[in-house]
Amino acid sequence: MSAFRPLLVAGLSAALSFAAAQASAAPTQYPLTLDNCGAKVTINKAPQRAIGLGQNSAEIMLLLGLEDKMAGTAFWPSKVLPQLAEANAKVKLLTVEFPTFESILAQNPDFVAAALPSLIGPTSKVARREDFDKVGIPSYISPSTCLSTEKAKDQYGSRDQLWSMDLLYKEIDELSQIFDVADRGQVLISDFKKREAALRAGVSKDGKKLSYVFWFSSPSPTADAYLGGKNGASGFIADLLGGRNAITAEAEWPTLGWEGIIAAAPDVIVVANLDRNRWELDKPEAKIKFLNTDPAVSQMPAVKNKAIVIMDGQAMNPTIRTVYGAEQVAEQLRVLGLIK
């Protein structure tokens, strides 16, 4: 992954120079009440001991310069963005995996932001939203991950419309309001909008519309692969680059055997890099080795054409990393001569 780290940090304006920013927004008027994932959340004052549950929530708060207002973080599939490492070092890490409810309460938090319903939800391994309500701690769930679980076969839910950065912008805006740093939120949103526009403008609409498969990971080579679903962040990246997701399932993280992936016949295979090391195939090198050595899989056109690119696995979640992931993929595809 080290070869691709610079692409993650390019264009972020050195963790955003807020002092030089021209954006302005009104100070937050408390109490602040927001509609969040079907619940009303009321914030009586700016949090002083917030918990970031999930990498996206934690990184947004760090990008907003809130490390001194954070009592802890948990659940990190990847390492923190390099430009945020110094700020992140000031915040207590509870665990890179799922924390316990007790370990969160032990930090005496006054606000909890969660990146995924699996961290705060009806089937969460950590706690339900009402558990935090009972102890008087307001909670917030990323609008990007408030999904229906009725049609999906797993806890991740399904998405019937293509995810867009608008949901991310809403999350940044609302978190910045919660902490009374709305000016900083507008600067961050402006930066992402410019980068999103540059990606759309930089890819020619002429020629073939490339199809993509985004491979997150697998427990083993013989197991079904976890893939980015049609309408999730992976589908957004494919669309942003003028292509389409070859996986048509509406589930956020469908699993598919390699016969099905071969049948999808993608032009490009995007493999995720994950720092968690839960499975051997979390590593991009292990994925690429399998793709090139398996007798059947190695005959896929994308593999034979060496159209395999590496992307930060966290970017396959609908997060601030998604635009970085699109930039990673675009840069590699330009080198391969597949896009302009």
C-alpha atoms as a PDB file:
ATOM      1  CA  MET A   1       0.000   0.000   0.000  1.00  0.00           C
ATOM      2  CA  SER A   2       2.909   2.355   0.617  1.00  0.00           C
ATOM      3  CA  ALA A   3       3.247   3.060  -3.099  1.00  0.00           C
ATOM      4  CA  PHE A   4      -0.231   4.538  -3.099  1.00  0.00           C
ATOM      5  CA  ARG A   5      -0.142   6.518   0.151  1.00  0.00           C
ATOM      6  CA  PRO A   6       0.714   9.835  -1.550  1.00  0.00           C
ATOM      7  CA  LEU A   7      -2.517   9.683  -3.503  1.00  0.00           C
ATOM      8  CA  LEU A   8      -4.443   9.644  -0.250  1.00  0.00           C
ATOM      9  CA  VAL A   9      -3.013  12.909   0.939  1.00  0.00           C
ATOM     10  CA  ALA A  10      -2.785  14.859  -2.311  1.00  0.00           C
ATOM     11  CA  GLY A  11      -4.933  17.941  -2.432  1.00  0.00           C
ATOM     12  CA  LEU A  12      -6.071  18.051   1.158  1.00  0.00           C
ATOM     13  CA  SER A  13      -4.367  21.410   1.677  1.00  0.00           C
ATOM     14  CA  ALA A  14      -2.222  20.286   4.595  1.00  0.00           C
ATOM     15  CA  ALA A  15      -5.110  19.166   6.793  1.00  0.00           C
ATOM     16  CA  LEU A  16      -7.029  22.253   5.724  1.00  0.00           C
ATOM     17  CA  SER A  17      -5.700  25.651   6.692  1.00  0.00           C
ATOM     18  CA  PHE A  18      -8.798  26.902   8.429  1.00  0.00           C
ATOM     19  CA  ALA A  19      -7.261  30.228   9.356  1.00  0.00           C
ATOM     20  CA  ALA A  20      -6.903  31.110   5.691  1.00  0.00           C
ATOM     21  CA  ALA A  21     -10.341  29.867   4.742  1.00  0.00           C
ATOM     22  CA  GLN A  22     -12.888  32.238   3.277  1.00  0.00           C
ATOM     23  CA  ALA A  23     -15.934  30.108   4.102  1.00  0.00           C
ATOM     24  CA  SER A  24     -18.241  31.392   6.781  1.00  0.00           C
ATOM     25  CA  ALA A  25     -21.170  29.908   8.636  1.00  0.00           C
ATOM     26  CA  ALA A  26     -23.338  31.005  11.530  1.00  0.00           C
ATOM     27  CA  PRO A  27     -22.458  29.826  15.050  1.00  0.00           C
ATOM     28  CA  THR A  28     -24.530  26.917  16.304  1.00  0.00           C
ATOM     29  CA  GLN A  29     -27.581  27.796  18.344  1.00  0.00           C
ATOM     30  CA  TYR A  30     -28.163  25.252  21.110  1.00  0.00           C
ATOM     31  CA  PRO A  31     -30.103  23.188  21.773  1.00  0.00           C
ATOM     32  CA  LEU A  32     -29.562  21.774  18.282  1.00  0.00           C
ATOM     33  CA  THR A  33     -32.015  19.097  17.108  1.00  0.00           C
ATOM     34  CA  LEU A  34     -31.278  16.982  14.016  1.00  0.00           C
ATOM     35  CA  ASP A  35     -33.181  14.230  12.219  1.00  0.00           C
ATOM     36  CA  ASN A  36     -30.684  11.374  12.040  1.00  0.00           C
ATOM     37  CA  CYS A  37     -31.459   7.962  10.598  1.00  0.00           C
ATOM     38  CA  GLY A  38     -35.073   8.018  11.696  1.00  0.00           C
ATOM     39  CA  ALA A  39     -34.394   9.491  15.130  1.00  0.00           C
ATOM     40  CA  LYS A  40     -34.360  12.999  16.544  1.00  0.00           C
ATOM     41  CA  VAL A  41     -31.058  13.870  18.208  1.00  0.00           C
ATOM     42  CA  THR A  42     -30.783  16.889  20.491  1.00  0.00           C
ATOM     43  CA  ILE A  43     -27.417  18.401  21.386  1.00  0.00           C
ATOM     44  CA  ASN A  44     -27.547  20.856  24.300  1.00  0.00           C
ATOM     45  CA  LYS A  45     -23.977  22.103  23.982  1.00  0.00           C
ATOM     46  CA  ALA A  46     -20.816  21.431  21.986  1.00  0.00           C
ATOM     47  CA  PRO A  47     -19.392  18.021  22.999  1.00  0.00           C
ATOM     48  CA  GLN A  48     -16.193  17.999  25.031  1.00  0.00           C
ATOM     49  CA  ARG A  49     -15.643  14.208  25.313  1.00  0.00           C
ATOM     50  CA  ALA A  50     -16.811  12.683  22.047  1.00  0.00           C
ATOM     51  CA  ILE A  51     -16.270   9.101  20.903  1.00  0.00           C
ATOM     52  CA  GLY A  52     -15.654   8.329  17.238  1.00  0.00           C
ATOM     53  CA  LEU A  53     -16.987   4.825  16.600  1.00  0.00           C
ATOM     54  CA  GLY A  54     -15.700   3.778  13.215  1.00  0.00           C
ATOM     55  CA  GLN A  55     -12.945   5.204  11.088  1.00  0.00           C
ATOM     56  CA  ASN A  56     -15.045   7.602   9.043  1.00  0.00           C
ATOM     57  CA  SER A  57     -16.601   9.291  12.066  1.00  0.00           C
ATOM     58  CA  ALA A  58     -13.226   9.613  13.775  1.00  0.00           C
ATOM     59  CA  GLU A  59     -11.473  10.964  10.681  1.00  0.00           C
ATOM     60  CA  ILE A  60     -14.160  13.553   9.994  1.00  0.00           C
ATOM     61  CA  MET A  61     -13.792  14.843  13.540  1.00  0.00           C
ATOM     62  CA  LEU A  62     -10.011  14.926  13.177  1.00  0.00           C
ATOM     63  CA  LEU A  63     -10.287  16.767   9.851  1.00  0.00           C
ATOM     64  CA  LEU A  64     -12.457  19.294  11.644  1.00  0.00           C
ATOM     65  CA  GLY A  65      -9.658  19.812  14.179  1.00  0.00           C
ATOM     66  CA  LEU A  66     -11.584  18.298  17.087  1.00  0.00           C
ATOM     67  CA  GLU A  67      -8.940  16.011  18.592  1.00  0.00           C
ATOM     68  CA  ASP A  68      -9.038  17.956  21.872  1.00  0.00           C
ATOM     69  CA  LYS A  69     -12.786  17.276  22.078  1.00  0.00           C
ATOM     70  CA  MET A  70     -12.422  13.505  21.597  1.00  0.00           C
ATOM     71  CA  ALA A  71     -12.262  10.990  24.449  1.00  0.00           C
ATOM     72  CA  GLY A  72     -11.641   7.940  22.269  1.00  0.00           C
ATOM     73  CA  THR A  73     -12.017   6.083  18.972  1.00  0.00           C
ATOM     74  CA  ALA A  74     -12.602   2.481  17.906  1.00  0.00           C
ATOM     75  CA  PHE A  75     -13.014   0.250  14.851  1.00  0.00           C
ATOM     76  CA  TRP A  76     -10.306   1.082  12.298  1.00  0.00           C
ATOM     77  CA  PRO A  77     -10.139  -1.111   9.151  1.00  0.00           C
ATOM     78  CA  SER A  78      -7.187   0.972   7.907  1.00  0.00           C
ATOM     79  CA  LYS A  79      -4.538   3.189   9.423  1.00  0.00           C
ATOM     80  CA  VAL A  80      -5.436   6.818   9.973  1.00  0.00           C
ATOM     81  CA  LEU A  81      -4.788   9.236   7.110  1.00  0.00           C
ATOM     82  CA  PRO A  82      -1.097  10.187   7.327  1.00  0.00           C
ATOM     83  CA  GLN A  83      -1.784  13.899   7.685  1.00  0.00           C
ATOM     84  CA  LEU A  84      -4.011  13.142  10.679  1.00  0.00           C
ATOM     85  CA  ALA A  85      -1.538  10.868  12.491  1.00  0.00           C
ATOM     86  CA  GLU A  86      -0.239  13.553  14.847  1.00  0.00           C
ATOM     87  CA  ALA A  87      -3.723  14.677  15.862  1.00  0.00           C
ATOM     88  CA  ASN A  88      -4.946  11.091  16.165  1.00  0.00           C
ATOM     89  CA  ALA A  89      -2.070  10.242  18.509  1.00  0.00           C
ATOM     90  CA  LYS A  90      -3.642  12.613  21.051  1.00  0.00           C
ATOM     91  CA  VAL A  91      -6.851  10.565  21.151  1.00  0.00           C
ATOM     92  CA  LYS A  92      -7.216   7.323  23.093  1.00  0.00           C
ATOM     93  CA  LEU A  93      -7.638   4.230  20.916  1.00  0.00           C
ATOM     94  CA  LEU A  94     -10.065   1.820  22.536  1.00  0.00           C
ATOM     95  CA  THR A  95      -9.613  -0.946  19.952  1.00  0.00           C
ATOM     96  CA  VAL A  96      -9.225  -1.351  16.188  1.00  0.00           C
ATOM     97  CA  GLU A  97     -12.113  -3.828  16.296  1.00  0.00           C
ATOM     98  CA  PHE A  98     -15.573  -3.650  17.921  1.00  0.00           C
ATOM     99  CA  PRO A  99     -15.391  -2.068  21.394  1.00  0.00           C
ATOM    100  CA  THR A 100     -17.606  -3.056  24.298  1.00  0.00           C
ATOM    101  CA  PHE A 101     -20.350  -0.763  25.516  1.00  0.00           C
ATOM    102  CA  GLU A 102     -18.650  -0.703  28.918  1.00  0.00           C
ATOM    103  CA  SER A 103     -15.333   0.429  27.441  1.00  0.00           C
ATOM    104  CA  ILE A 104     -17.105   3.355  25.781  1.00  0.00           C
ATOM    105  CA  LEU A 105     -18.925   4.407  28.950  1.00  0.00           C
ATOM    106  CA  ALA A 106     -15.653   4.208  30.868  1.00  0.00           C
ATOM    107  CA  GLN A 107     -14.449   7.247  28.890  1.00  0.00           C
ATOM    108  CA  ASN A 108     -17.320   9.345  30.292  1.00  0.00           C
ATOM    109  CA  PRO A 109     -18.443  10.491  26.819  1.00  0.00           C
ATOM    110  CA  ASP A 110     -20.947  13.251  26.161  1.00  0.00           C
ATOM    111  CA  PHE A 111     -21.501  12.352  22.471  1.00  0.00           C
ATOM    112  CA  VAL A 112     -20.995   9.304  20.244  1.00  0.00           C
ATOM    113  CA  ALA A 113     -20.720   9.383  16.446  1.00  0.00           C
ATOM    114  CA  ALA A 114     -20.895   6.040  14.639  1.00  0.00           C
ATOM    115  CA  ALA A 115     -19.850   5.247  11.092  1.00  0.00           C
ATOM    116  CA  LEU A 116     -22.003   2.110  10.822  1.00  0.00           C
ATOM    117  CA  PRO A 117     -25.299   0.783  12.208  1.00  0.00           C
ATOM    118  CA  SER A 118     -23.336  -2.330  13.231  1.00  0.00           C
ATOM    119  CA  LEU A 119     -21.679  -0.061  15.804  1.00  0.00           C
ATOM    120  CA  ILE A 120     -24.941   1.502  17.029  1.00  0.00           C
ATOM    121  CA  GLY A 121     -28.019  -0.322  15.847  1.00  0.00           C
ATOM    122  CA  PRO A 122     -30.669  -2.948  16.591  1.00  0.00           C
ATOM    123  CA  THR A 123     -28.282  -5.829  15.778  1.00  0.00           C
ATOM    124  CA  SER A 124     -25.064  -4.114  16.888  1.00  0.00           C
ATOM    125  CA  LYS A 125     -22.340  -6.042  18.658  1.00  0.00           C
ATOM    126  CA  VAL A 126     -21.598  -2.887  20.634  1.00  0.00           C
ATOM    127  CA  ALA A 127     -24.818  -1.184  21.714  1.00  0.00           C
ATOM    128  CA  ARG A 128     -28.191  -0.046  20.499  1.00  0.00           C
ATOM    129  CA  ARG A 129     -29.016   3.605  20.140  1.00  0.00           C
ATOM    130  CA  GLU A 130     -31.514   3.382  22.994  1.00  0.00           C
ATOM    131  CA  ASP A 131     -28.728   2.111  25.273  1.00  0.00           C
ATOM    132  CA  PHE A 132     -26.996   5.457  24.863  1.00  0.00           C
ATOM    133  CA  ASP A 133     -30.308   7.291  25.245  1.00  0.00           C
ATOM    134  CA  LYS A 134     -30.858   5.624  28.614  1.00  0.00           C
ATOM    135  CA  VAL A 135     -27.598   7.047  29.971  1.00  0.00           C
ATOM    136  CA  GLY A 136     -28.190  10.490  28.462  1.00  0.00           C
ATOM    137  CA  ILE A 137     -25.543  10.315  25.720  1.00  0.00           C
ATOM    138  CA  PRO A 138     -26.680  11.655  22.315  1.00  0.00           C
ATOM    139  CA  SER A 139     -25.648   9.494  19.373  1.00  0.00           C
ATOM    140  CA  TYR A 140     -25.261  10.150  15.666  1.00  0.00           C
ATOM    141  CA  ILE A 141     -25.043   7.627  12.812  1.00  0.00           C
ATOM    142  CA  SER A 142     -23.532   8.388   9.419  1.00  0.00           C
ATOM    143  CA  PRO A 143     -26.391   9.244   7.010  1.00  0.00           C
ATOM    144  CA  SER A 144     -24.523   7.295   4.313  1.00  0.00           C
ATOM    145  CA  THR A 145     -25.027   4.007   6.149  1.00  0.00           C
ATOM    146  CA  CYS A 146     -28.653   4.273   7.262  1.00  0.00           C
ATOM    147  CA  LEU A 147     -29.808   1.416   5.073  1.00  0.00           C
ATOM    148  CA  SER A 148     -32.760  -0.923   4.883  1.00  0.00           C
ATOM    149  CA  THR A 149     -31.961  -4.420   6.118  1.00  0.00           C
ATOM    150  CA  GLU A 150     -35.249  -5.936   4.946  1.00  0.00           C
ATOM    151  CA  LYS A 151     -34.107  -7.000   1.471  1.00  0.00           C
ATOM    152  CA  ALA A 152     -30.523  -7.788   2.411  1.00  0.00           C
ATOM    153  CA  LYS A 153     -29.385 -11.102   3.793  1.00  0.00           C
ATOM    154  CA  ASP A 154     -26.919  -9.582   6.237  1.00  0.00           C
ATOM    155  CA  GLN A 155     -26.501  -6.752   8.716  1.00  0.00           C
ATOM    156  CA  TYR A 156     -25.027  -4.342   6.170  1.00  0.00           C
ATOM    157  CA  GLY A 157     -28.344  -3.640   4.457  1.00  0.00           C
ATOM    158  CA  SER A 158     -29.147  -2.718   0.873  1.00  0.00           C
ATOM    159  CA  ARG A 159     -29.233   0.501  -1.121  1.00  0.00           C
ATOM    160  CA  ASP A 160     -31.767   1.085  -3.912  1.00  0.00           C
ATOM    161  CA  GLN A 161     -30.158   4.305  -5.167  1.00  0.00           C
ATOM    162  CA  LEU A 162     -26.575   5.109  -6.013  1.00  0.00           C
ATOM    163  CA  TRP A 163     -24.748   6.670  -3.082  1.00  0.00           C
ATOM    164  CA  SER A 164     -23.561  10.214  -3.658  1.00  0.00           C
ATOM    165  CA  MET A 165     -21.189  12.570  -1.902  1.00  0.00           C
ATOM    166  CA  ASP A 166     -24.206  14.657  -0.902  1.00  0.00           C
ATOM    167  CA  LEU A 167     -24.743  12.305   2.032  1.00  0.00           C
ATOM    168  CA  LEU A 168     -21.123  12.768   3.067  1.00  0.00           C
ATOM    169  CA  TYR A 169     -21.477  16.541   2.800  1.00  0.00           C
ATOM    170  CA  LYS A 170     -24.563  16.338   5.014  1.00  0.00           C
ATOM    171  CA  GLU A 171     -22.598  14.359   7.599  1.00  0.00           C
ATOM    172  CA  ILE A 172     -19.695  16.823   7.622  1.00  0.00           C
ATOM    173  CA  ASP A 173     -22.100  19.754   7.863  1.00  0.00           C
ATOM    174  CA  GLU A 174     -24.092  18.250  10.722  1.00  0.00           C
ATOM    175  CA  LEU A 175     -21.041  17.173  12.724  1.00  0.00           C
ATOM    176  CA  SER A 176     -19.521  20.620  12.286  1.00  0.00           C
ATOM    177  CA  GLN A 177     -22.772  22.143  13.587  1.00  0.00           C
ATOM    178  CA  ILE A 178     -22.831  19.784  16.559  1.00  0.00           C
ATOM    179  CA  PHE A 179     -19.339  20.934  17.572  1.00  0.00           C
ATOM    180  CA  ASP A 180     -19.948  24.597  16.659  1.00  0.00           C
ATOM    181  CA  VAL A 181     -17.234  24.610  13.994  1.00  0.00           C
ATOM    182  CA  ALA A 182     -19.488  25.121  10.968  1.00  0.00           C
ATOM    183  CA  ASP A 183     -16.871  27.281   9.201  1.00  0.00           C
ATOM    184  CA  ARG A 184     -14.454  24.370   9.214  1.00  0.00           C
ATOM    185  CA  GLY A 185     -17.146  22.081   7.879  1.00  0.00           C
ATOM    186  CA  GLN A 186     -17.766  24.328   4.887  1.00  0.00           C
ATOM    187  CA  VAL A 187     -14.043  24.442   4.082  1.00  0.00           C
ATOM    188  CA  LEU A 188     -13.844  20.654   4.135  1.00  0.00           C
ATOM    189  CA  ILE A 189     -16.954  20.279   1.976  1.00  0.00           C
ATOM    190  CA  SER A 190     -15.582  22.779  -0.541  1.00  0.00           C
ATOM    191  CA  ASP A 191     -12.335  20.819  -0.816  1.00  0.00           C
ATOM    192  CA  PHE A 192     -14.144  17.545  -1.526  1.00  0.00           C
ATOM    193  CA  LYS A 193     -16.483  19.148  -4.055  1.00  0.00           C
ATOM    194  CA  LYS A 194     -13.520  20.480  -6.040  1.00  0.00           C
ATOM    195  CA  ARG A 195     -11.880  17.077  -6.089  1.00  0.00           C
ATOM    196  CA  GLU A 196     -15.089  15.317  -7.095  1.00  0.00           C
ATOM    197  CA  ALA A 197     -15.568  17.781  -9.972  1.00  0.00           C
ATOM    198  CA  ALA A 198     -11.977  17.329 -11.115  1.00  0.00           C
ATOM    199  CA  LEU A 199     -12.421  13.554 -11.334  1.00  0.00           C
ATOM    200  CA  ARG A 200     -15.583  13.833 -13.410  1.00  0.00           C
ATOM    201  CA  ALA A 201     -14.012  16.422 -15.731  1.00  0.00           C
ATOM    202  CA  GLY A 202     -10.804  14.473 -16.144  1.00  0.00           C
ATOM    203  CA  VAL A 203     -12.344  11.282 -17.487  1.00  0.00           C
ATOM    204  CA  SER A 204     -13.424  11.218 -21.118  1.00  0.00           C
ATOM    205  CA  LYS A 205     -17.001  10.126 -21.753  1.00  0.00           C
ATOM    206  CA  ASP A 206     -16.003   8.810 -25.180  1.00  0.00           C
ATOM    207  CA  GLY A 207     -15.091   5.220 -25.846  1.00  0.00           C
ATOM    208  CA  LYS A 208     -15.881   2.112 -23.833  1.00  0.00           C
ATOM    209  CA  LYS A 209     -17.681   2.339 -20.505  1.00  0.00           C
ATOM    210  CA  LEU A 210     -15.457   0.209 -18.287  1.00  0.00           C
ATOM    211  CA  SER A 211     -17.023  -2.280 -15.895  1.00  0.00           C
ATOM    212  CA  TYR A 212     -15.502  -2.806 -12.464  1.00  0.00           C
ATOM    213  CA  VAL A 213     -15.473  -5.383  -9.689  1.00  0.00           C
ATOM    214  CA  PHE A 214     -14.405  -4.071  -6.282  1.00  0.00           C
ATOM    215  CA  TRP A 215     -13.029  -6.942  -4.154  1.00  0.00           C
ATOM    216  CA  PHE A 216     -12.926  -6.042  -0.475  1.00  0.00           C
ATOM    217  CA  SER A 217     -11.717  -9.347   0.978  1.00  0.00           C
ATOM    218  CA  SER A 218     -12.418 -13.048   1.519  1.00  0.00           C
ATOM    219  CA  PRO A 219     -11.909 -15.400   4.466  1.00  0.00           C
ATOM    220  CA  SER A 220     -10.038 -17.762   2.116  1.00  0.00           C
ATOM    221  CA  PRO A 221      -9.507 -18.322  -1.632  1.00  0.00           C
ATOM    222  CA  THR A 222     -12.262 -20.941  -1.687  1.00  0.00           C
ATOM    223  CA  ALA A 223     -14.779 -18.763   0.167  1.00  0.00           C
ATOM    224  CA  ASP A 224     -17.191 -16.332  -1.431  1.00  0.00           C
ATOM    225  CA  ALA A 225     -15.708 -12.874  -1.926  1.00  0.00           C
ATOM    226  CA  TYR A 226     -17.028  -9.741  -0.245  1.00  0.00           C
ATOM    227  CA  LEU A 227     -17.639  -7.247  -3.036  1.00  0.00           C
ATOM    228  CA  GLY A 228     -18.721  -3.640  -3.296  1.00  0.00           C
ATOM    229  CA  GLY A 229     -22.426  -3.551  -4.169  1.00  0.00           C
ATOM    230  CA  LYS A 230     -24.015  -1.863  -7.164  1.00  0.00           C
ATOM    231  CA  ASN A 231     -25.137   1.315  -5.408  1.00  0.00           C
ATOM    232  CA  GLY A 232     -22.530   1.698  -2.684  1.00  0.00           C
ATOM    233  CA  ALA A 233     -19.304   3.691  -2.662  1.00  0.00           C
ATOM    234  CA  SER A 234     -17.791   1.294  -5.186  1.00  0.00           C
ATOM    235  CA  GLY A 235     -20.615   1.929  -7.624  1.00  0.00           C
ATOM    236  CA  PHE A 236     -20.164   5.656  -7.059  1.00  0.00           C
ATOM    237  CA  ILE A 237     -16.454   5.424  -7.908  1.00  0.00           C
ATOM    238  CA  ALA A 238     -17.189   3.469 -11.092  1.00  0.00           C
ATOM    239  CA  ASP A 239     -19.769   6.085 -12.092  1.00  0.00           C
ATOM    240  CA  LEU A 240     -17.445   8.958 -11.177  1.00  0.00           C
ATOM    241  CA  LEU A 241     -14.848   7.508 -13.555  1.00  0.00           C
ATOM    242  CA  GLY A 242     -17.360   7.121 -16.382  1.00  0.00           C
ATOM    243  CA  GLY A 243     -17.912   3.379 -15.880  1.00  0.00           C
ATOM    244  CA  ARG A 244     -20.247   0.995 -14.084  1.00  0.00           C
ATOM    245  CA  ASN A 245     -20.164  -1.599 -11.352  1.00  0.00           C
ATOM    246  CA  ALA A 246     -20.278  -5.100 -12.859  1.00  0.00           C
ATOM    247  CA  ILE A 247     -21.926  -6.336  -9.655  1.00  0.00           C
ATOM    248  CA  THR A 248     -25.652  -5.602  -9.846  1.00  0.00           C
ATOM    249  CA  ALA A 249     -26.719  -6.655  -6.336  1.00  0.00           C
ATOM    250  CA  GLU A 250     -28.326  -3.884  -4.278  1.00  0.00           C
ATOM    251  CA  ALA A 251     -26.855  -5.344  -1.085  1.00  0.00           C
ATOM    252  CA  GLU A 252     -24.173  -3.061   0.313  1.00  0.00           C
ATOM    253  CA  TRP A 253     -21.675  -5.929   0.623  1.00  0.00           C
ATOM    254  CA  PRO A 254     -22.833  -8.888  -1.479  1.00  0.00           C
ATOM    255  CA  THR A 255     -20.849 -12.107  -1.363  1.00  0.00           C
ATOM    256  CA  LEU A 256     -20.239 -13.994  -4.588  1.00  0.00           C
ATOM    257  CA  GLY A 257     -18.354 -17.114  -5.620  1.00  0.00           C
ATOM    258  CA  TRP A 258     -15.661 -16.874  -8.258  1.00  0.00           C
ATOM    259  CA  GLU A 259     -17.845 -18.518 -10.898  1.00  0.00           C
ATOM    260  CA  GLY A 260     -20.223 -15.586 -10.554  1.00  0.00           C
ATOM    261  CA  ILE A 261     -17.396 -13.056 -10.647  1.00  0.00           C
ATOM    262  CA  ILE A 262     -15.978 -14.652 -13.785  1.00  0.00           C
ATOM    263  CA  ALA A 263     -19.455 -14.489 -15.349  1.00  0.00           C
ATOM    264  CA  ALA A 264     -19.641 -10.759 -14.536  1.00  0.00           C
ATOM    265  CA  ALA A 265     -16.623 -10.310 -16.856  1.00  0.00           C
ATOM    266  CA  PRO A 266     -15.298  -7.020 -15.446  1.00  0.00           C
ATOM    267  CA  ASP A 267     -12.852  -4.910 -17.427  1.00  0.00           C
ATOM    268  CA  VAL A 268     -11.104  -3.843 -14.225  1.00  0.00           C
ATOM    269  CA  ILE A 269     -10.649  -5.530 -10.853  1.00  0.00           C
ATOM    270  CA  VAL A 270     -10.074  -3.200  -7.917  1.00  0.00           C
ATOM    271  CA  VAL A 271      -8.552  -4.947  -4.903  1.00  0.00           C
ATOM    272  CA  ALA A 272      -8.711  -3.462  -1.434  1.00  0.00           C
ATOM    273  CA  ASN A 273      -5.805  -2.892   0.872  1.00  0.00           C
ATOM    274  CA  LEU A 274      -6.765  -3.359   4.527  1.00  0.00           C
ATOM    275  CA  ASP A 275      -4.509  -2.774   7.513  1.00  0.00           C
ATOM    276  CA  ARG A 276      -6.604  -4.853   9.906  1.00  0.00           C
ATOM    277  CA  ASN A 277      -5.033  -8.247   8.900  1.00  0.00           C
ATOM    278  CA  ARG A 278      -8.105 -10.224   9.911  1.00  0.00           C
ATOM    279  CA  TRP A 279      -7.677 -12.526   6.915  1.00  0.00           C
ATOM    280  CA  GLU A 280      -4.698 -13.231   4.667  1.00  0.00           C
ATOM    281  CA  LEU A 281      -6.678 -11.903   1.706  1.00  0.00           C
ATOM    282  CA  ASP A 282      -6.959  -8.514   3.411  1.00  0.00           C
ATOM    283  CA  LYS A 283      -3.562  -7.910   1.814  1.00  0.00           C
ATOM    284  CA  PRO A 284      -3.608  -6.715  -1.811  1.00  0.00           C
ATOM    285  CA  GLU A 285      -0.536  -8.815  -2.608  1.00  0.00           C
ATOM    286  CA  ALA A 286      -2.400 -11.970  -1.562  1.00  0.00           C
ATOM    287  CA  LYS A 287      -5.401 -11.018  -3.681  1.00  0.00           C
ATOM    288  CA  ILE A 288      -3.265 -10.317  -6.744  1.00  0.00           C
ATOM    289  CA  LYS A 289      -1.350 -13.577  -6.317  1.00  0.00           C
ATOM    290  CA  PHE A 290      -4.618 -15.513  -6.218  1.00  0.00           C
ATOM    291  CA  LEU A 291      -5.979 -13.715  -9.280  1.00  0.00           C
ATOM    292  CA  ASN A 292      -2.862 -14.542 -11.271  1.00  0.00           C
ATOM    293  CA  THR A 293      -2.405 -18.158 -10.164  1.00  0.00           C
ATOM    294  CA  ASP A 294      -5.872 -19.667  -9.872  1.00  0.00           C
ATOM    295  CA  PRO A 295      -6.433 -21.733 -13.044  1.00  0.00           C
ATOM    296  CA  ALA A 296      -9.923 -20.375 -13.742  1.00  0.00           C
ATOM    297  CA  VAL A 297      -9.723 -16.871 -12.326  1.00  0.00           C
ATOM    298  CA  SER A 298      -6.448 -16.110 -14.095  1.00  0.00           C
ATOM    299  CA  GLN A 299      -8.232 -16.488 -17.441  1.00  0.00           C
ATOM    300  CA  MET A 300     -10.522 -13.531 -16.798  1.00  0.00           C
ATOM    301  CA  PRO A 301      -9.880 -10.766 -19.363  1.00  0.00           C
ATOM    302  CA  ALA A 302      -9.209  -8.212 -16.617  1.00  0.00           C
ATOM    303  CA  VAL A 303      -6.494 -10.448 -15.178  1.00  0.00           C
ATOM    304  CA  LYS A 304      -4.961 -11.357 -18.540  1.00  0.00           C
ATOM    305  CA  ASN A 305      -4.931  -7.672 -19.469  1.00  0.00           C
ATOM    306  CA  LYS A 306      -3.296  -6.814 -16.115  1.00  0.00           C
ATOM    307  CA  ALA A 307      -6.170  -4.439 -15.366  1.00  0.00           C
ATOM    308  CA  ILE A 308      -5.852  -4.923 -11.612  1.00  0.00           C
ATOM    309  CA  VAL A 309      -5.526  -1.855  -9.406  1.00  0.00           C
ATOM    310  CA  ILE A 310      -5.165  -1.347  -5.650  1.00  0.00           C
ATOM    311  CA  MET A 311      -7.361   0.897  -3.546  1.00  0.00           C
ATOM    312  CA  ASP A 312      -7.581   1.713   0.142  1.00  0.00           C
ATOM    313  CA  GLY A 313     -10.230  -0.652   1.497  1.00  0.00           C
ATOM    314  CA  GLN A 314     -11.828   2.021   3.644  1.00  0.00           C
ATOM    315  CA  ALA A 315     -12.607   3.930   0.422  1.00  0.00           C
ATOM    316  CA  MET A 316     -15.026   1.111  -0.516  1.00  0.00           C
ATOM    317  CA  ASN A 317     -17.156   2.277   2.402  1.00  0.00           C
ATOM    318  CA  PRO A 318     -19.132   5.492   1.796  1.00  0.00           C
ATOM    319  CA  THR A 319     -16.717   7.752   3.659  1.00  0.00           C
ATOM    320  CA  ILE A 320     -14.320  10.663   3.272  1.00  0.00           C
ATOM    321  CA  ARG A 321     -11.922   8.049   1.866  1.00  0.00           C
ATOM    322  CA  THR A 322     -14.130   7.384  -1.160  1.00  0.00           C
ATOM    323  CA  VAL A 323     -12.883  10.331  -3.201  1.00  0.00           C
ATOM    324  CA  TYR A 324      -9.301   9.383  -2.293  1.00  0.00           C
ATOM    325  CA  GLY A 325     -10.025   5.881  -3.551  1.00  0.00           C
ATOM    326  CA  ALA A 326     -11.374   7.253  -6.818  1.00  0.00           C
ATOM    327  CA  GLU A 327      -8.192   9.296  -7.208  1.00  0.00           C
ATOM    328  CA  GLN A 328      -6.096   6.182  -6.574  1.00  0.00           C
ATOM    329  CA  VAL A 329      -7.980   4.148  -9.153  1.00  0.00           C
ATOM    330  CA  ALA A 330      -7.925   6.949 -11.738  1.00  0.00           C
ATOM    331  CA  GLU A 331      -4.168   7.431 -11.415  1.00  0.00           C
ATOM    332  CA  GLN A 332      -3.474   3.727 -11.935  1.00  0.00           C
ATOM    333  CA  LEU A 333      -5.906   3.448 -14.835  1.00  0.00           C
ATOM    334  CA  ARG A 334      -4.195   6.387 -16.549  1.00  0.00           C
ATOM    335  CA  VAL A 335      -0.863   4.582 -16.226  1.00  0.00           C
ATOM    336  CA  LEU A 336      -2.466   1.503 -17.783  1.00  0.00           C
ATOM    337  CA  GLY A 337      -3.874   3.683 -20.581  1.00  0.00           C
ATOM    338  CA  LEU A 338      -7.459   2.719 -19.803  1.00  0.00           C
ATOM    339  CA  ILE A 339      -8.749   6.239 -19.129  1.00  0.00           C
ATOM    340  CA  LYS A 340      -7.645   9.728 -20.103  1.00  0.00           C
END
